[in-house]
Amino acid sequence: MCTSPAVAGGRTRPAPAPPSRTSEARAALEDSASVGLGFLPLGLAFGALVVQSGLDWWWAGLSAALIYGGSFEFLLIGMVTAAAPLASIAATAFMVNVRHVFYALSFPLHRVPGRLAKTYSTFALCDEAYALTSAERARAWSSGRILWLQFFMHLYWAGSATAGALLGSLIPDGVTGLDFALTALFTVLALDALRDLRGDLPTPLLALLSALAARLLFPGQMLLAAFALFTAGLLARHLSTGRKPSHD
């Protein structure tokens, strides 16, 4: 007869208690702190751009909270002020944000229970949240920690954008370097991802080859073509490695 591990040796061992909401929120706050530092100058620059474009300050906070599109929001300001057609805005939104379709293939949405929580997690799926949750150390994160992480990132962006709109007149026009903050942030996240690969160099090499091929073959649609080629390469590698005979 098998003996349950909880009562092995005649002693009852209580199951470990699940992490509390407070501990999950604290851990998510620590995880998202570095990203928040990158969001701050970007949000301030976006808020200042909203005001300098002639829109009311509250447009910045409303856009950051309801659209939460990052780079697309910068494009949207110019399109709104130029009275661009809705069809052009929709097409631009699709082209800029189509990468999130590929993120959803490996984002741990299955660990987020409840329809409402899944809906928000899908809406708040940004590049930085994907990069952090796809890392090796995040495989044991609970659903609460993932949701708190996304919420804090959402809050960083909306708060800094609103602050930038309110303080936009105090930011000198000659300030440079704010636009490089996003590039620097993605560079740090990419380096962290490379360390988690543990010698699996074909993945970044495949991404590089996909980008170069898209640049040469489809220069007008490089982003979409690069993602399509990269996805096809990953699927081909998965099928080829899955068919290898076992040597056990």
C-alpha atoms as a PDB file:
ATOM      1  CA  MET A   1       0.000   0.000   0.000  1.00  0.00           C
ATOM      2  CA  CYS A   2       1.344   3.405  -0.943  1.00  0.00           C
ATOM      3  CA  THR A   3       1.864   5.941   1.777  1.00  0.00           C
ATOM      4  CA  SER A   4       0.963   9.543   1.113  1.00  0.00           C
ATOM      5  CA  PRO A   5       3.963  11.896   1.297  1.00  0.00           C
ATOM      6  CA  ALA A   6       1.972  14.110   3.619  1.00  0.00           C
ATOM      7  CA  VAL A   7       1.847  11.341   6.264  1.00  0.00           C
ATOM      8  CA  ALA A   8       5.112   9.549   5.527  1.00  0.00           C
ATOM      9  CA  GLY A   9       6.822   8.300   8.664  1.00  0.00           C
ATOM     10  CA  GLY A  10       3.676   8.786  10.727  1.00  0.00           C
ATOM     11  CA  ARG A  11       4.043  12.548  10.707  1.00  0.00           C
ATOM     12  CA  THR A  12       1.666  14.877   8.963  1.00  0.00           C
ATOM     13  CA  ARG A  13       3.400  17.550   6.931  1.00  0.00           C
ATOM     14  CA  PRO A  14       1.192  20.513   6.108  1.00  0.00           C
ATOM     15  CA  ALA A  15       1.093  21.588   2.484  1.00  0.00           C
ATOM     16  CA  PRO A  16       2.920  24.830   1.764  1.00  0.00           C
ATOM     17  CA  ALA A  17       0.628  27.808   1.989  1.00  0.00           C
ATOM     18  CA  PRO A  18      -0.027  29.654  -1.286  1.00  0.00           C
ATOM     19  CA  PRO A  19       1.589  33.075  -1.568  1.00  0.00           C
ATOM     20  CA  SER A  20      -0.539  35.923  -0.255  1.00  0.00           C
ATOM     21  CA  ARG A  21      -1.693  38.785  -2.463  1.00  0.00           C
ATOM     22  CA  THR A  22       0.612  41.146  -0.611  1.00  0.00           C
ATOM     23  CA  SER A  23       3.682  38.991  -1.242  1.00  0.00           C
ATOM     24  CA  GLU A  24       2.719  38.507  -4.892  1.00  0.00           C
ATOM     25  CA  ALA A  25       2.257  42.252  -5.363  1.00  0.00           C
ATOM     26  CA  ARG A  26       5.572  42.991  -3.649  1.00  0.00           C
ATOM     27  CA  ALA A  27       7.404  40.457  -5.811  1.00  0.00           C
ATOM     28  CA  ALA A  28       5.781  41.833  -8.982  1.00  0.00           C
ATOM     29  CA  LEU A  29       6.717  45.373  -7.970  1.00  0.00           C
ATOM     30  CA  GLU A  30      10.355  44.323  -7.654  1.00  0.00           C
ATOM     31  CA  ASP A  31      10.215  42.481 -10.989  1.00  0.00           C
ATOM     32  CA  SER A  32       8.757  45.489 -12.803  1.00  0.00           C
ATOM     33  CA  ALA A  33      10.907  48.200 -11.188  1.00  0.00           C
ATOM     34  CA  SER A  34      13.548  48.203 -13.932  1.00  0.00           C
ATOM     35  CA  VAL A  35      10.887  48.392 -16.628  1.00  0.00           C
ATOM     36  CA  GLY A  36       9.217  51.245 -14.768  1.00  0.00           C
ATOM     37  CA  LEU A  37      12.451  53.232 -14.925  1.00  0.00           C
ATOM     38  CA  GLY A  38      12.397  52.770 -18.695  1.00  0.00           C
ATOM     39  CA  PHE A  39       8.726  53.707 -18.975  1.00  0.00           C
ATOM     40  CA  LEU A  40       9.181  56.942 -17.023  1.00  0.00           C
ATOM     41  CA  PRO A  41      11.072  59.012 -19.640  1.00  0.00           C
ATOM     42  CA  LEU A  42       8.981  57.537 -22.447  1.00  0.00           C
ATOM     43  CA  GLY A  43       5.726  58.406 -20.704  1.00  0.00           C
ATOM     44  CA  LEU A  44       6.928  61.903 -19.892  1.00  0.00           C
ATOM     45  CA  ALA A  45       7.933  62.428 -23.520  1.00  0.00           C
ATOM     46  CA  PHE A  46       4.591  61.101 -24.751  1.00  0.00           C
ATOM     47  CA  GLY A  47       2.605  63.307 -22.374  1.00  0.00           C
ATOM     48  CA  ALA A  48       4.618  66.364 -23.385  1.00  0.00           C
ATOM     49  CA  LEU A  49       4.030  65.526 -27.058  1.00  0.00           C
ATOM     50  CA  VAL A  50       0.279  65.359 -26.488  1.00  0.00           C
ATOM     51  CA  VAL A  51       0.179  68.849 -24.997  1.00  0.00           C
ATOM     52  CA  GLN A  52       2.591  70.314 -27.546  1.00  0.00           C
ATOM     53  CA  SER A  53       0.389  68.904 -30.336  1.00  0.00           C
ATOM     54  CA  GLY A  54      -2.511  71.046 -29.153  1.00  0.00           C
ATOM     55  CA  LEU A  55      -4.539  68.347 -27.403  1.00  0.00           C
ATOM     56  CA  ASP A  56      -5.853  68.610 -23.859  1.00  0.00           C
ATOM     57  CA  TRP A  57      -3.666  67.087 -21.137  1.00  0.00           C
ATOM     58  CA  TRP A  58      -6.178  64.384 -20.251  1.00  0.00           C
ATOM     59  CA  TRP A  59      -5.783  62.820 -23.696  1.00  0.00           C
ATOM     60  CA  ALA A  60      -2.409  61.468 -22.578  1.00  0.00           C
ATOM     61  CA  GLY A  61      -3.757  59.593 -19.564  1.00  0.00           C
ATOM     62  CA  LEU A  62      -6.843  58.398 -21.456  1.00  0.00           C
ATOM     63  CA  SER A  63      -4.767  57.072 -24.346  1.00  0.00           C
ATOM     64  CA  ALA A  64      -2.256  55.391 -22.040  1.00  0.00           C
ATOM     65  CA  ALA A  65      -4.999  53.732 -19.996  1.00  0.00           C
ATOM     66  CA  LEU A  66      -7.357  52.604 -22.772  1.00  0.00           C
ATOM     67  CA  ILE A  67      -5.058  52.061 -25.766  1.00  0.00           C
ATOM     68  CA  TYR A  68      -1.825  51.109 -23.988  1.00  0.00           C
ATOM     69  CA  GLY A  69      -0.086  50.790 -27.300  1.00  0.00           C
ATOM     70  CA  GLY A  70       3.335  52.298 -26.643  1.00  0.00           C
ATOM     71  CA  SER A  71       4.912  53.174 -29.975  1.00  0.00           C
ATOM     72  CA  PHE A  72       1.520  53.224 -31.711  1.00  0.00           C
ATOM     73  CA  GLU A  73       0.351  55.974 -29.383  1.00  0.00           C
ATOM     74  CA  PHE A  74       3.179  58.213 -30.561  1.00  0.00           C
ATOM     75  CA  LEU A  75       2.047  57.608 -34.149  1.00  0.00           C
ATOM     76  CA  LEU A  76      -1.581  58.111 -33.193  1.00  0.00           C
ATOM     77  CA  ILE A  77      -0.978  61.658 -31.935  1.00  0.00           C
ATOM     78  CA  GLY A  78       0.303  62.747 -35.338  1.00  0.00           C
ATOM     79  CA  MET A  79      -2.517  60.965 -37.134  1.00  0.00           C
ATOM     80  CA  VAL A  80      -5.188  62.518 -34.919  1.00  0.00           C
ATOM     81  CA  THR A  81      -3.829  66.030 -35.307  1.00  0.00           C
ATOM     82  CA  ALA A  82      -3.639  65.476 -39.077  1.00  0.00           C
ATOM     83  CA  ALA A  83      -7.249  64.200 -39.135  1.00  0.00           C
ATOM     84  CA  ALA A  84      -6.224  60.908 -40.730  1.00  0.00           C
ATOM     85  CA  PRO A  85      -9.043  58.585 -41.894  1.00  0.00           C
ATOM     86  CA  LEU A  86     -10.134  55.876 -39.499  1.00  0.00           C
ATOM     87  CA  ALA A  87      -9.159  53.210 -42.026  1.00  0.00           C
ATOM     88  CA  SER A  88      -5.573  54.491 -42.057  1.00  0.00           C
ATOM     89  CA  ILE A  89      -5.467  54.550 -38.267  1.00  0.00           C
ATOM     90  CA  ALA A  90      -6.822  50.988 -38.081  1.00  0.00           C
ATOM     91  CA  ALA A  91      -4.311  49.718 -40.654  1.00  0.00           C
ATOM     92  CA  THR A  92      -1.436  51.399 -38.829  1.00  0.00           C
ATOM     93  CA  ALA A  93      -2.568  49.948 -35.497  1.00  0.00           C
ATOM     94  CA  PHE A  94      -2.653  46.471 -37.026  1.00  0.00           C
ATOM     95  CA  MET A  95       0.791  46.731 -38.608  1.00  0.00           C
ATOM     96  CA  VAL A  96       2.435  48.124 -35.471  1.00  0.00           C
ATOM     97  CA  ASN A  97       0.805  45.732 -32.998  1.00  0.00           C
ATOM     98  CA  VAL A  98       0.521  42.525 -35.039  1.00  0.00           C
ATOM     99  CA  ARG A  99       3.558  41.191 -33.165  1.00  0.00           C
ATOM    100  CA  HIS A 100       1.325  40.584 -30.137  1.00  0.00           C
ATOM    101  CA  VAL A 101      -0.362  37.766 -32.037  1.00  0.00           C
ATOM    102  CA  PHE A 102       2.939  35.886 -31.945  1.00  0.00           C
ATOM    103  CA  TYR A 103       3.502  36.770 -28.278  1.00  0.00           C
ATOM    104  CA  ALA A 104       0.223  35.082 -27.384  1.00  0.00           C
ATOM    105  CA  LEU A 105       1.560  31.739 -28.639  1.00  0.00           C
ATOM    106  CA  SER A 106       3.922  31.396 -25.666  1.00  0.00           C
ATOM    107  CA  PHE A 107       2.599  33.869 -23.097  1.00  0.00           C
ATOM    108  CA  PRO A 108       1.505  31.945 -19.936  1.00  0.00           C
ATOM    109  CA  LEU A 109      -2.153  32.941 -20.217  1.00  0.00           C
ATOM    110  CA  HIS A 110      -3.152  29.407 -19.185  1.00  0.00           C
ATOM    111  CA  ARG A 111      -1.896  30.191 -15.679  1.00  0.00           C
ATOM    112  CA  VAL A 112      -4.326  33.103 -15.315  1.00  0.00           C
ATOM    113  CA  PRO A 113      -7.702  31.816 -14.086  1.00  0.00           C
ATOM    114  CA  GLY A 114     -11.042  33.516 -14.636  1.00  0.00           C
ATOM    115  CA  ARG A 115     -12.514  35.193 -17.707  1.00  0.00           C
ATOM    116  CA  LEU A 116     -12.095  38.729 -16.372  1.00  0.00           C
ATOM    117  CA  ALA A 117      -8.463  38.148 -15.385  1.00  0.00           C
ATOM    118  CA  LYS A 118      -7.681  36.561 -18.758  1.00  0.00           C
ATOM    119  CA  THR A 119      -9.310  39.493 -20.547  1.00  0.00           C
ATOM    120  CA  TYR A 120      -7.196  42.040 -18.710  1.00  0.00           C
ATOM    121  CA  SER A 121      -4.033  39.972 -19.064  1.00  0.00           C
ATOM    122  CA  THR A 122      -4.616  39.787 -22.826  1.00  0.00           C
ATOM    123  CA  PHE A 123      -5.216  43.534 -23.030  1.00  0.00           C
ATOM    124  CA  ALA A 124      -2.156  44.365 -20.914  1.00  0.00           C
ATOM    125  CA  LEU A 125       0.216  42.082 -22.846  1.00  0.00           C
ATOM    126  CA  CYS A 126       3.084  44.401 -23.784  1.00  0.00           C
ATOM    127  CA  ASP A 127       6.596  43.687 -25.017  1.00  0.00           C
ATOM    128  CA  GLU A 128       8.152  44.101 -21.588  1.00  0.00           C
ATOM    129  CA  ALA A 129       5.605  41.877 -19.829  1.00  0.00           C
ATOM    130  CA  TYR A 130       6.190  39.171 -22.414  1.00  0.00           C
ATOM    131  CA  ALA A 131       9.966  39.419 -22.054  1.00  0.00           C
ATOM    132  CA  LEU A 132       9.821  39.060 -18.273  1.00  0.00           C
ATOM    133  CA  THR A 133       7.220  36.279 -18.112  1.00  0.00           C
ATOM    134  CA  SER A 134       8.958  34.203 -20.791  1.00  0.00           C
ATOM    135  CA  ALA A 135      12.242  34.112 -18.860  1.00  0.00           C
ATOM    136  CA  GLU A 136      13.431  30.945 -17.138  1.00  0.00           C
ATOM    137  CA  ARG A 137      12.905  32.296 -13.639  1.00  0.00           C
ATOM    138  CA  ALA A 138       9.271  33.184 -14.385  1.00  0.00           C
ATOM    139  CA  ARG A 139       8.099  29.632 -15.076  1.00  0.00           C
ATOM    140  CA  ALA A 140       7.035  29.167 -11.461  1.00  0.00           C
ATOM    141  CA  TRP A 141       5.276  32.517 -11.112  1.00  0.00           C
ATOM    142  CA  SER A 142       1.698  32.391  -9.901  1.00  0.00           C
ATOM    143  CA  SER A 143      -1.238  33.942 -11.742  1.00  0.00           C
ATOM    144  CA  GLY A 144      -1.406  36.740  -9.179  1.00  0.00           C
ATOM    145  CA  ARG A 145       2.224  37.665  -9.710  1.00  0.00           C
ATOM    146  CA  ILE A 146       1.749  37.794 -13.489  1.00  0.00           C
ATOM    147  CA  LEU A 147      -1.348  39.981 -13.195  1.00  0.00           C
ATOM    148  CA  TRP A 148       0.303  42.324 -10.680  1.00  0.00           C
ATOM    149  CA  LEU A 149       3.307  42.615 -12.978  1.00  0.00           C
ATOM    150  CA  GLN A 150       1.114  43.656 -15.894  1.00  0.00           C
ATOM    151  CA  PHE A 151      -0.889  46.032 -13.721  1.00  0.00           C
ATOM    152  CA  PHE A 152       2.219  47.823 -12.456  1.00  0.00           C
ATOM    153  CA  MET A 153       3.533  48.236 -16.006  1.00  0.00           C
ATOM    154  CA  HIS A 154       0.169  49.610 -17.072  1.00  0.00           C
ATOM    155  CA  LEU A 155       0.253  51.990 -14.119  1.00  0.00           C
ATOM    156  CA  TYR A 156       3.817  53.132 -14.907  1.00  0.00           C
ATOM    157  CA  TRP A 157       2.848  54.029 -18.453  1.00  0.00           C
ATOM    158  CA  ALA A 158      -0.451  55.760 -17.659  1.00  0.00           C
ATOM    159  CA  GLY A 159       0.990  57.630 -14.674  1.00  0.00           C
ATOM    160  CA  SER A 160       4.111  58.865 -16.442  1.00  0.00           C
ATOM    161  CA  ALA A 161       2.109  59.910 -19.517  1.00  0.00           C
ATOM    162  CA  THR A 162      -0.295  61.922 -17.367  1.00  0.00           C
ATOM    163  CA  ALA A 163       2.598  63.501 -15.478  1.00  0.00           C
ATOM    164  CA  GLY A 164       4.301  64.375 -18.759  1.00  0.00           C
ATOM    165  CA  ALA A 165       1.143  66.077 -20.013  1.00  0.00           C
ATOM    166  CA  LEU A 166       0.740  68.087 -16.802  1.00  0.00           C
ATOM    167  CA  LEU A 167       4.405  69.052 -16.705  1.00  0.00           C
ATOM    168  CA  GLY A 168       4.921  69.275 -20.457  1.00  0.00           C
ATOM    169  CA  SER A 169       5.480  72.994 -20.430  1.00  0.00           C
ATOM    170  CA  LEU A 170       8.392  72.534 -18.004  1.00  0.00           C
ATOM    171  CA  ILE A 171      10.285  70.110 -20.262  1.00  0.00           C
ATOM    172  CA  PRO A 172      12.701  72.039 -22.527  1.00  0.00           C
ATOM    173  CA  ASP A 173      12.401  71.390 -26.253  1.00  0.00           C
ATOM    174  CA  GLY A 174      16.160  70.809 -26.523  1.00  0.00           C
ATOM    175  CA  VAL A 175      16.237  67.764 -24.232  1.00  0.00           C
ATOM    176  CA  THR A 176      17.710  64.816 -26.146  1.00  0.00           C
ATOM    177  CA  GLY A 177      18.010  61.135 -25.376  1.00  0.00           C
ATOM    178  CA  LEU A 178      14.440  60.484 -24.261  1.00  0.00           C
ATOM    179  CA  ASP A 179      13.689  58.650 -27.481  1.00  0.00           C
ATOM    180  CA  PHE A 180      16.586  56.241 -26.826  1.00  0.00           C
ATOM    181  CA  ALA A 181      15.116  55.012 -23.540  1.00  0.00           C
ATOM    182  CA  LEU A 182      12.906  52.438 -25.299  1.00  0.00           C
ATOM    183  CA  THR A 183      15.856  51.115 -27.322  1.00  0.00           C
ATOM    184  CA  ALA A 184      17.977  50.827 -24.180  1.00  0.00           C
ATOM    185  CA  LEU A 185      15.164  49.043 -22.346  1.00  0.00           C
ATOM    186  CA  PHE A 186      14.731  46.468 -25.109  1.00  0.00           C
ATOM    187  CA  THR A 187      18.501  45.946 -25.225  1.00  0.00           C
ATOM    188  CA  VAL A 188      18.577  45.059 -21.518  1.00  0.00           C
ATOM    189  CA  LEU A 189      15.591  42.712 -21.875  1.00  0.00           C
ATOM    190  CA  ALA A 190      17.213  41.038 -24.888  1.00  0.00           C
ATOM    191  CA  LEU A 191      20.442  40.459 -22.933  1.00  0.00           C
ATOM    192  CA  ASP A 192      18.471  38.890 -20.086  1.00  0.00           C
ATOM    193  CA  ALA A 193      16.699  36.628 -22.563  1.00  0.00           C
ATOM    194  CA  LEU A 194      20.017  35.571 -24.106  1.00  0.00           C
ATOM    195  CA  ARG A 195      21.352  34.576 -20.688  1.00  0.00           C
ATOM    196  CA  ASP A 196      18.265  32.422 -20.117  1.00  0.00           C
ATOM    197  CA  LEU A 197      18.836  30.527 -23.358  1.00  0.00           C
ATOM    198  CA  ARG A 198      21.826  28.716 -21.808  1.00  0.00           C
ATOM    199  CA  GLY A 199      23.645  28.026 -25.046  1.00  0.00           C
ATOM    200  CA  ASP A 200      20.592  27.781 -27.296  1.00  0.00           C
ATOM    201  CA  LEU A 201      22.101  30.144 -29.871  1.00  0.00           C
ATOM    202  CA  PRO A 202      20.046  28.937 -32.863  1.00  0.00           C
ATOM    203  CA  THR A 203      17.005  30.913 -31.624  1.00  0.00           C
ATOM    204  CA  PRO A 204      18.612  34.398 -31.701  1.00  0.00           C
ATOM    205  CA  LEU A 205      20.481  33.382 -34.851  1.00  0.00           C
ATOM    206  CA  LEU A 206      17.204  32.380 -36.463  1.00  0.00           C
ATOM    207  CA  ALA A 207      15.688  35.717 -35.427  1.00  0.00           C
ATOM    208  CA  LEU A 208      18.617  37.600 -36.956  1.00  0.00           C
ATOM    209  CA  LEU A 209      18.421  35.662 -40.227  1.00  0.00           C
ATOM    210  CA  SER A 210      14.665  36.251 -40.383  1.00  0.00           C
ATOM    211  CA  ALA A 211      15.154  39.992 -39.939  1.00  0.00           C
ATOM    212  CA  LEU A 212      17.878  40.139 -42.607  1.00  0.00           C
ATOM    213  CA  ALA A 213      15.817  38.109 -45.075  1.00  0.00           C
ATOM    214  CA  ALA A 214      12.772  40.308 -44.477  1.00  0.00           C
ATOM    215  CA  ARG A 215      14.878  43.428 -44.961  1.00  0.00           C
ATOM    216  CA  LEU A 216      16.165  42.179 -48.317  1.00  0.00           C
ATOM    217  CA  LEU A 217      13.001  40.537 -49.660  1.00  0.00           C
ATOM    218  CA  PHE A 218      10.209  42.647 -48.138  1.00  0.00           C
ATOM    219  CA  PRO A 219      11.673  46.067 -47.230  1.00  0.00           C
ATOM    220  CA  GLY A 220       8.248  47.707 -47.177  1.00  0.00           C
ATOM    221  CA  GLN A 221       6.762  45.138 -44.777  1.00  0.00           C
ATOM    222  CA  MET A 222       9.857  44.158 -42.813  1.00  0.00           C
ATOM    223  CA  LEU A 223       8.269  43.738 -39.373  1.00  0.00           C
ATOM    224  CA  LEU A 224       5.406  41.517 -40.475  1.00  0.00           C
ATOM    225  CA  ALA A 225       7.622  39.497 -42.823  1.00  0.00           C
ATOM    226  CA  ALA A 226      10.307  39.014 -40.157  1.00  0.00           C
ATOM    227  CA  PHE A 227       7.773  37.678 -37.651  1.00  0.00           C
ATOM    228  CA  ALA A 228       6.271  35.367 -40.279  1.00  0.00           C
ATOM    229  CA  LEU A 229       9.688  33.982 -41.256  1.00  0.00           C
ATOM    230  CA  PHE A 230      10.732  33.594 -37.634  1.00  0.00           C
ATOM    231  CA  THR A 231       7.517  31.746 -36.787  1.00  0.00           C
ATOM    232  CA  ALA A 232       7.930  29.465 -39.800  1.00  0.00           C
ATOM    233  CA  GLY A 233      11.519  28.769 -38.756  1.00  0.00           C
ATOM    234  CA  LEU A 234      10.491  27.906 -35.199  1.00  0.00           C
ATOM    235  CA  LEU A 235       7.754  25.575 -36.448  1.00  0.00           C
ATOM    236  CA  ALA A 236      10.156  23.872 -38.855  1.00  0.00           C
ATOM    237  CA  ARG A 237      12.737  23.403 -36.103  1.00  0.00           C
ATOM    238  CA  HIS A 238      10.100  22.018 -33.749  1.00  0.00           C
ATOM    239  CA  LEU A 239       8.865  19.526 -36.327  1.00  0.00           C
ATOM    240  CA  SER A 240      12.377  18.421 -37.258  1.00  0.00           C
ATOM    241  CA  THR A 241      13.522  17.923 -33.664  1.00  0.00           C
ATOM    242  CA  GLY A 242      10.252  16.250 -32.704  1.00  0.00           C
ATOM    243  CA  ARG A 243      10.717  13.577 -35.356  1.00  0.00           C
ATOM    244  CA  LYS A 244      14.214  12.594 -34.241  1.00  0.00           C
ATOM    245  CA  PRO A 245      14.303   8.998 -33.001  1.00  0.00           C
ATOM    246  CA  SER A 246      14.922   8.455 -29.337  1.00  0.00           C
ATOM    247  CA  HIS A 247      18.201   6.774 -28.293  1.00  0.00           C
ATOM    248  CA  ASP A 248      17.080   5.658 -24.843  1.00  0.00           C
END
